[in-house]
Amino acid sequence: MTGGGDVGGSLTGHPGISHVHITGSEATFRAIVPGLSVSIAAELGGVSPIIIVPGEWSAADLRYQAEHVVTMRLHNSGHNCIAGQVVLLSSDWPQRADFLEELRAAYDRAPERPVWYPNSESKMDAARDAYPDAACCGDGSRTLVETSPGEAEPLETTEYFSPVLGVVALPGTGQEFLDTAVAHANDRLTGTLGANVLIDPATQSALRAGFERAVADLHYGTVAVNAWTAFGFLTPTATWGAYPGGTLDDAPSGIGIVHNAFLLDQVERTVVRGPFRPFPRSATSALRGYGLSVLPKPPWFVTSRTGAAVCEGFTRFRIDGNGAAMAVVLVKAFGA
């Protein structure tokens, strides 16, 4: 059925309903729970971090990962519970300024897209009021905030659900920075739905078990390493939902999970892993013993030139299984 709050209220209180699931805002969740007499599961979003682990990146790495971050924010104009909102960046990284330059450029040049979701404009205005020094990027419909932990509260506690991207500076490099960023994400950012971590293969290899411990310490329902948590959402065998522990009184990102096609019980989280470099640059990683990826720039990147055609092709392949048509789509993918 379709309708507004009155229809939703009638459905959730109807005697024929034995369970309720909501995908939406915490405000809607709070409106439903008081009069509810059945169980409820919910996916409510949150403020998703993007942790940039400092390392030695090439100019191509800086540009590619900046586009990766911008994709996490601008997909569907940021009207997305899966969108990354806060970049946690080392203030001591020698390449910090270079990365920020690429990030600003990528945020500015990404193709134009409308800001259409209800109240999104007012949320962007609120962000600009809170951070008057924020940069207006693109056609003026995107906001980029650079700040420090002491001044980041609205950015870290408000899910703007619009093209508002923040960069928060944290001290340290290596394991020190990673542990600081994980603690900051867990303790300061609202929600536990998804966290993203970008790290080059050499740095990840040097940290070894320390990196895996840091991933385990992230209290998020989906953690994406050199990928975007959206890939976890799009994988039906993976779980999607908040980190376990949400209650009716305290569930900033919801309660329970969805998808989980294997029907696994007591799942804590899903971890998604992708390549740091796309093909053919991934060959340099392979030569150093870090594995070879044959994946080109992903079609969901906002900068992909063939994204629409490739995504349509994958969808049609799921419908008709036409291998010959899919081969053409794969060729197009390498033109991203």
Protein backbone atom coordinates (compact mmCIF):
# COMPACT_ATOMS: atom_id res chain seq x y z
CA MET A 1 0.00 0.00 0.00
CA THR A 2 1.08 3.58 -0.47
CA GLY A 3 0.29 6.62 1.60
CA GLY A 4 1.45 8.96 4.32
CA GLY A 5 1.80 8.72 8.07
CA ASP A 6 -1.89 7.94 8.56
CA VAL A 7 -1.64 4.86 6.34
CA GLY A 8 1.56 3.74 8.06
CA GLY A 9 -0.04 4.20 11.47
CA SER A 10 -3.05 2.11 10.45
CA LEU A 11 -0.85 -0.67 9.08
CA THR A 12 1.48 -0.92 12.07
CA GLY A 13 -1.50 -1.10 14.44
CA HIS A 14 -3.57 -3.49 12.33
CA PRO A 15 -4.42 -6.81 14.08
CA GLY A 16 -3.45 -8.76 10.96
CA ILE A 17 0.17 -7.62 11.21
CA SER A 18 2.55 -9.82 13.21
CA HIS A 19 5.87 -8.05 12.54
CA VAL A 20 7.00 -4.64 11.29
CA HIS A 21 10.15 -3.75 9.36
CA ILE A 22 11.05 -0.13 8.62
CA THR A 23 13.68 1.39 6.40
CA GLY A 24 13.72 5.09 7.17
CA SER A 25 14.62 7.72 9.72
CA GLU A 26 15.00 7.39 13.46
CA ALA A 27 12.20 9.95 13.83
CA THR A 28 9.80 7.61 12.02
CA PHE A 29 11.01 4.71 14.17
CA ARG A 30 10.30 6.76 17.30
CA ALA A 31 6.81 7.54 16.00
CA ILE A 32 6.00 3.86 15.44
CA VAL A 33 7.43 2.20 18.55
CA PRO A 34 5.23 3.66 21.34
CA GLY A 35 1.98 2.17 20.03
CA LEU A 36 3.46 -1.05 18.68
CA SER A 37 2.37 -4.41 20.11
CA VAL A 38 4.41 -6.67 17.77
CA SER A 39 8.13 -7.12 17.10
CA ILE A 40 10.00 -4.66 14.89
CA ALA A 41 13.19 -4.67 12.82
CA ALA A 42 14.60 -1.45 11.44
CA GLU A 43 17.36 -0.03 9.21
CA LEU A 44 17.73 3.64 10.08
CA GLY A 45 20.98 4.92 8.57
CA GLY A 46 23.56 7.00 10.40
CA VAL A 47 26.75 8.99 9.88
CA SER A 48 29.12 6.68 8.00
CA PRO A 49 32.90 7.17 8.31
CA ILE A 50 35.49 6.85 5.57
CA ILE A 51 38.83 6.13 7.23
CA ILE A 52 41.84 7.02 5.07
CA VAL A 53 44.88 5.15 6.40
CA PRO A 54 48.03 7.12 5.51
CA GLY A 55 50.58 5.46 3.26
CA GLU A 56 52.71 6.17 0.19
CA TRP A 57 50.21 6.75 -2.61
CA SER A 58 50.93 7.53 -6.24
CA ALA A 59 49.28 10.46 -7.99
CA ALA A 60 46.91 7.99 -9.66
CA ASP A 61 46.07 6.45 -6.27
CA LEU A 62 45.23 9.87 -4.84
CA ARG A 63 42.94 10.71 -7.75
CA TYR A 64 41.21 7.31 -7.85
CA GLN A 65 40.54 7.14 -4.11
CA ALA A 66 39.33 10.75 -4.06
CA GLU A 67 36.78 9.75 -6.72
CA HIS A 68 35.96 6.71 -4.57
CA VAL A 69 35.16 8.93 -1.59
CA VAL A 70 33.10 11.33 -3.70
CA THR A 71 31.13 8.37 -5.06
CA MET A 72 30.29 7.30 -1.51
CA ARG A 73 28.85 10.76 -0.87
CA LEU A 74 27.22 11.72 -4.17
CA HIS A 75 25.50 8.49 -5.20
CA ASN A 76 21.81 9.46 -5.45
CA SER A 77 22.90 12.98 -4.43
CA GLY A 78 23.64 11.75 -0.92
CA HIS A 79 19.98 10.80 -0.38
CA ASN A 80 21.12 7.40 0.76
CA CYS A 81 21.46 5.70 4.14
CA ILE A 82 24.56 4.02 2.77
CA ALA A 83 26.36 7.25 1.90
CA GLY A 84 29.73 8.08 3.46
CA GLN A 85 29.62 11.41 5.30
CA VAL A 86 32.75 11.92 7.41
CA VAL A 87 36.30 11.39 6.11
CA LEU A 88 38.71 10.67 8.97
CA LEU A 89 42.09 11.89 7.71
CA SER A 90 45.51 11.98 9.37
CA SER A 91 46.79 15.47 10.13
CA ASP A 92 50.32 14.00 10.07
CA TRP A 93 50.12 12.30 6.66
CA PRO A 94 52.73 13.88 4.36
CA GLN A 95 50.28 13.50 1.44
CA ARG A 96 47.33 14.99 3.29
CA ALA A 97 47.34 18.25 1.28
CA ASP A 98 47.66 16.36 -2.02
CA PHE A 99 44.73 14.11 -1.16
CA LEU A 100 42.56 17.05 -0.10
CA GLU A 101 43.34 18.81 -3.36
CA GLU A 102 42.21 15.74 -5.33
CA LEU A 103 39.14 15.36 -3.11
CA ARG A 104 38.03 18.94 -3.68
CA ALA A 105 38.61 18.60 -7.42
CA ALA A 106 36.68 15.33 -7.65
CA TYR A 107 33.81 16.73 -5.57
CA ASP A 108 33.72 19.76 -7.84
CA ARG A 109 33.87 18.01 -11.22
CA ALA A 110 31.48 15.11 -10.58
CA PRO A 111 28.53 15.22 -12.99
CA GLU A 112 25.67 17.49 -11.99
CA ARG A 113 22.79 15.82 -10.17
CA PRO A 114 19.69 17.34 -8.55
CA VAL A 115 19.16 17.70 -4.81
CA TRP A 116 15.59 16.44 -4.70
CA TYR A 117 14.85 14.68 -1.41
CA PRO A 118 12.37 16.52 0.90
CA ASN A 119 14.09 18.90 3.36
CA SER A 120 17.52 18.31 1.84
CA GLU A 121 18.01 21.98 1.01
CA SER A 122 17.26 22.99 4.60
CA LYS A 123 19.71 20.40 5.90
CA MET A 124 22.42 21.76 3.63
CA ASP A 125 21.60 25.28 4.84
CA ALA A 126 21.94 24.07 8.42
CA ALA A 127 25.37 22.61 7.63
CA ARG A 128 26.50 25.87 6.05
CA ASP A 129 25.21 27.83 9.05
CA ALA A 130 27.15 25.54 11.41
CA TYR A 131 30.27 25.77 9.25
CA PRO A 132 30.35 29.19 7.55
CA ASP A 133 33.82 28.46 6.11
CA ALA A 134 32.59 25.36 4.29
CA ALA A 135 33.27 25.22 0.56
CA CYS A 136 30.42 25.19 -1.97
CA CYS A 137 31.42 22.83 -4.76
CA GLY A 138 30.12 21.87 -8.16
CA ASP A 139 27.19 24.01 -9.13
CA GLY A 140 26.81 25.19 -5.53
CA SER A 141 24.67 22.21 -4.52
CA ARG A 142 27.51 20.43 -2.67
CA THR A 143 29.10 21.33 0.64
CA LEU A 144 32.59 20.34 1.80
CA VAL A 145 33.47 20.88 5.46
CA GLU A 146 37.02 20.64 6.82
CA THR A 147 37.19 20.68 10.60
CA SER A 148 38.79 19.26 13.75
CA PRO A 149 37.29 16.91 16.37
CA GLY A 150 36.49 19.77 18.74
CA GLU A 151 34.31 21.51 16.14
CA ALA A 152 32.79 18.52 14.36
CA GLU A 153 29.72 17.72 16.47
CA PRO A 154 26.90 18.66 14.04
CA LEU A 155 28.74 16.91 11.22
CA GLU A 156 29.25 13.77 13.30
CA THR A 157 25.82 13.56 14.87
CA THR A 158 23.50 14.68 12.03
CA GLU A 159 22.78 12.43 9.08
CA TYR A 160 22.41 15.18 6.48
CA PHE A 161 21.07 12.84 3.76
CA SER A 162 22.27 15.35 1.19
CA PRO A 163 25.55 16.38 -0.53
CA VAL A 164 27.36 17.38 2.67
CA LEU A 165 30.83 15.82 3.01
CA GLY A 166 33.06 16.40 6.02
CA VAL A 167 36.78 15.94 6.64
CA VAL A 168 37.90 15.59 10.26
CA ALA A 169 41.62 15.74 11.11
CA LEU A 170 43.01 13.20 13.57
CA PRO A 171 46.64 12.81 14.71
CA GLY A 172 49.09 10.02 14.03
CA THR A 173 50.14 7.66 11.28
CA GLY A 174 50.20 3.88 10.91
CA GLN A 175 48.61 1.82 13.67
CA GLU A 176 48.36 4.83 15.96
CA PHE A 177 46.18 6.71 13.50
CA LEU A 178 44.10 3.65 12.63
CA ASP A 179 43.32 2.89 16.28
CA THR A 180 42.50 6.56 16.91
CA ALA A 181 40.18 6.67 13.87
CA VAL A 182 38.38 3.47 14.87
CA ALA A 183 37.80 4.74 18.41
CA HIS A 184 36.64 8.10 17.05
CA ALA A 185 34.18 6.46 14.66
CA ASN A 186 32.80 4.21 17.39
CA ASP A 187 32.52 6.90 20.05
CA ARG A 188 31.73 10.13 18.19
CA LEU A 189 29.77 9.28 15.05
CA THR A 190 26.05 8.61 15.27
CA GLY A 191 24.98 5.20 14.03
CA THR A 192 26.50 1.77 13.42
CA LEU A 193 25.31 0.87 9.92
CA GLY A 194 28.45 1.01 7.77
CA ALA A 195 32.12 2.05 7.86
CA ASN A 196 34.60 2.34 4.99
CA VAL A 197 38.39 1.93 5.22
CA LEU A 198 40.84 2.80 2.42
CA ILE A 199 44.38 1.45 2.82
CA ASP A 200 47.15 0.68 0.33
CA PRO A 201 48.47 -2.92 0.17
CA ALA A 202 51.96 -2.09 1.47
CA THR A 203 50.61 -0.34 4.57
CA GLN A 204 48.08 -3.08 5.21
CA SER A 205 50.83 -5.70 4.94
CA ALA A 206 53.04 -3.75 7.35
CA LEU A 207 50.27 -3.47 9.94
CA ARG A 208 49.39 -7.16 9.59
CA ALA A 209 47.36 -8.38 12.57
CA GLY A 210 46.97 -4.82 13.85
CA PHE A 211 44.87 -3.97 10.82
CA GLU A 212 42.60 -7.00 11.25
CA ARG A 213 42.17 -6.14 14.93
CA ALA A 214 41.16 -2.61 13.98
CA VAL A 215 38.55 -3.94 11.54
CA ALA A 216 37.21 -6.21 14.27
CA ASP A 217 37.05 -3.24 16.64
CA LEU A 218 34.82 -1.21 14.29
CA HIS A 219 31.31 -1.54 15.71
CA TYR A 220 29.44 -1.41 12.41
CA GLY A 221 27.09 -3.85 10.71
CA THR A 222 29.07 -3.67 7.45
CA VAL A 223 32.74 -2.76 7.11
CA ALA A 224 34.16 -2.19 3.63
CA VAL A 225 37.92 -2.39 3.08
CA ASN A 226 39.00 -0.67 -0.16
CA ALA A 227 35.37 -0.83 -1.21
CA TRP A 228 32.10 0.91 -0.42
CA THR A 229 29.61 -0.55 2.05
CA ALA A 230 27.01 -0.33 -0.74
CA PHE A 231 28.62 -3.44 -2.20
CA GLY A 232 27.68 -5.29 1.00
CA PHE A 233 24.13 -3.99 0.68
CA LEU A 234 23.96 -5.18 -2.94
CA THR A 235 25.19 -8.70 -2.09
CA PRO A 236 22.09 -10.71 -1.13
CA THR A 237 24.06 -13.40 0.70
CA ALA A 238 25.61 -10.77 2.96
CA THR A 239 23.87 -9.32 5.98
CA TRP A 240 22.74 -5.70 6.11
CA GLY A 241 21.80 -3.83 9.23
CA ALA A 242 23.10 -2.12 12.33
CA TYR A 243 25.80 -3.53 14.58
CA PRO A 244 24.12 -5.82 17.15
CA GLY A 245 22.93 -4.28 20.38
CA GLY A 246 20.22 -1.83 19.33
CA THR A 247 17.13 -1.60 21.53
CA LEU A 248 13.74 0.04 21.27
CA ASP A 249 15.11 2.85 23.44
CA ASP A 250 18.51 3.19 21.74
CA ALA A 251 18.74 2.16 18.10
CA PRO A 252 20.35 4.96 16.07
CA SER A 253 20.88 2.65 13.08
CA GLY A 254 18.13 0.17 13.81
CA ILE A 255 17.55 -3.36 15.06
CA GLY A 256 18.14 -6.67 13.29
CA ILE A 257 19.35 -7.48 9.76
CA VAL A 258 17.96 -8.06 6.28
CA HIS A 259 19.19 -9.98 3.19
CA ASN A 260 21.33 -12.82 4.67
CA ALA A 261 20.25 -15.30 1.98
CA PHE A 262 22.18 -18.10 3.71
CA LEU A 263 20.02 -17.51 6.82
CA LEU A 264 23.04 -17.52 9.11
CA ASP A 265 22.23 -17.05 12.78
CA GLN A 266 23.87 -14.68 15.27
CA VAL A 267 25.78 -12.74 12.59
CA GLU A 268 27.72 -9.80 13.98
CA ARG A 269 28.68 -8.08 10.73
CA THR A 270 29.64 -8.38 7.07
CA VAL A 271 33.15 -7.41 5.91
CA VAL A 272 33.56 -6.47 2.23
CA ARG A 273 37.04 -6.38 0.69
CA GLY A 274 38.05 -4.89 -2.66
CA PRO A 275 41.24 -3.97 -4.54
CA PHE A 276 43.03 -0.73 -3.72
CA ARG A 277 43.94 -0.21 -7.37
CA PRO A 278 41.81 -0.98 -10.44
CA PHE A 279 43.07 -2.88 -13.46
CA PRO A 280 45.53 -2.36 -15.11
CA ARG A 281 47.28 -0.46 -12.27
CA SER A 282 46.61 -3.42 -9.98
CA ALA A 283 49.45 -5.17 -11.83
CA THR A 284 51.92 -3.09 -9.80
CA SER A 285 50.41 -4.54 -6.62
CA ALA A 286 50.66 -8.04 -8.05
CA LEU A 287 54.36 -7.59 -8.82
CA ARG A 288 54.92 -6.83 -5.13
CA GLY A 289 53.04 -9.93 -4.02
CA TYR A 290 49.74 -8.25 -3.03
CA GLY A 291 47.51 -10.06 -5.52
CA LEU A 292 46.09 -9.15 -8.93
CA SER A 293 42.68 -7.65 -9.56
CA VAL A 294 41.17 -7.66 -13.05
CA LEU A 295 38.41 -5.22 -12.05
CA PRO A 296 38.46 -1.86 -13.85
CA LYS A 297 37.05 1.33 -12.36
CA PRO A 298 33.71 0.20 -10.88
CA PRO A 299 30.61 1.20 -12.87
CA TRP A 300 29.03 2.77 -9.78
CA PHE A 301 31.75 5.44 -9.57
CA VAL A 302 30.17 8.82 -10.25
CA THR A 303 33.03 9.44 -12.69
CA SER A 304 32.45 6.25 -14.71
CA ARG A 305 31.85 7.09 -18.36
CA THR A 306 30.07 3.79 -19.04
CA GLY A 307 28.35 3.26 -15.69
CA ALA A 308 24.77 3.48 -16.93
CA ALA A 309 25.32 1.03 -19.80
CA VAL A 310 27.27 -1.45 -17.65
CA CYS A 311 24.75 -1.42 -14.80
CA GLU A 312 21.91 -1.93 -17.26
CA GLY A 313 23.85 -4.80 -18.83
CA PHE A 314 24.39 -6.54 -15.51
CA THR A 315 20.70 -6.18 -14.72
CA ARG A 316 19.65 -7.66 -18.06
CA PHE A 317 22.10 -10.54 -17.57
CA ARG A 318 20.40 -11.38 -14.28
CA ILE A 319 17.12 -11.50 -16.20
CA ASP A 320 18.03 -13.44 -19.33
CA GLY A 321 21.50 -14.96 -18.70
CA ASN A 322 22.66 -13.96 -22.19
CA GLY A 323 26.42 -14.61 -22.08
CA ALA A 324 27.16 -13.04 -25.45
CA ALA A 325 25.48 -9.78 -24.46
CA MET A 326 27.31 -9.88 -21.15
CA ALA A 327 30.66 -10.14 -22.94
CA VAL A 328 29.87 -6.84 -24.68
CA VAL A 329 29.00 -5.31 -21.32
CA LEU A 330 32.34 -6.41 -19.85
CA VAL A 331 34.17 -4.73 -22.72
CA LYS A 332 32.26 -1.55 -21.98
CA ALA A 333 33.25 -1.82 -18.33
CA PHE A 334 36.89 -1.35 -19.27
CA GLY A 335 36.00 1.98 -20.83
CA ALA A 336 34.88 3.46 -17.49
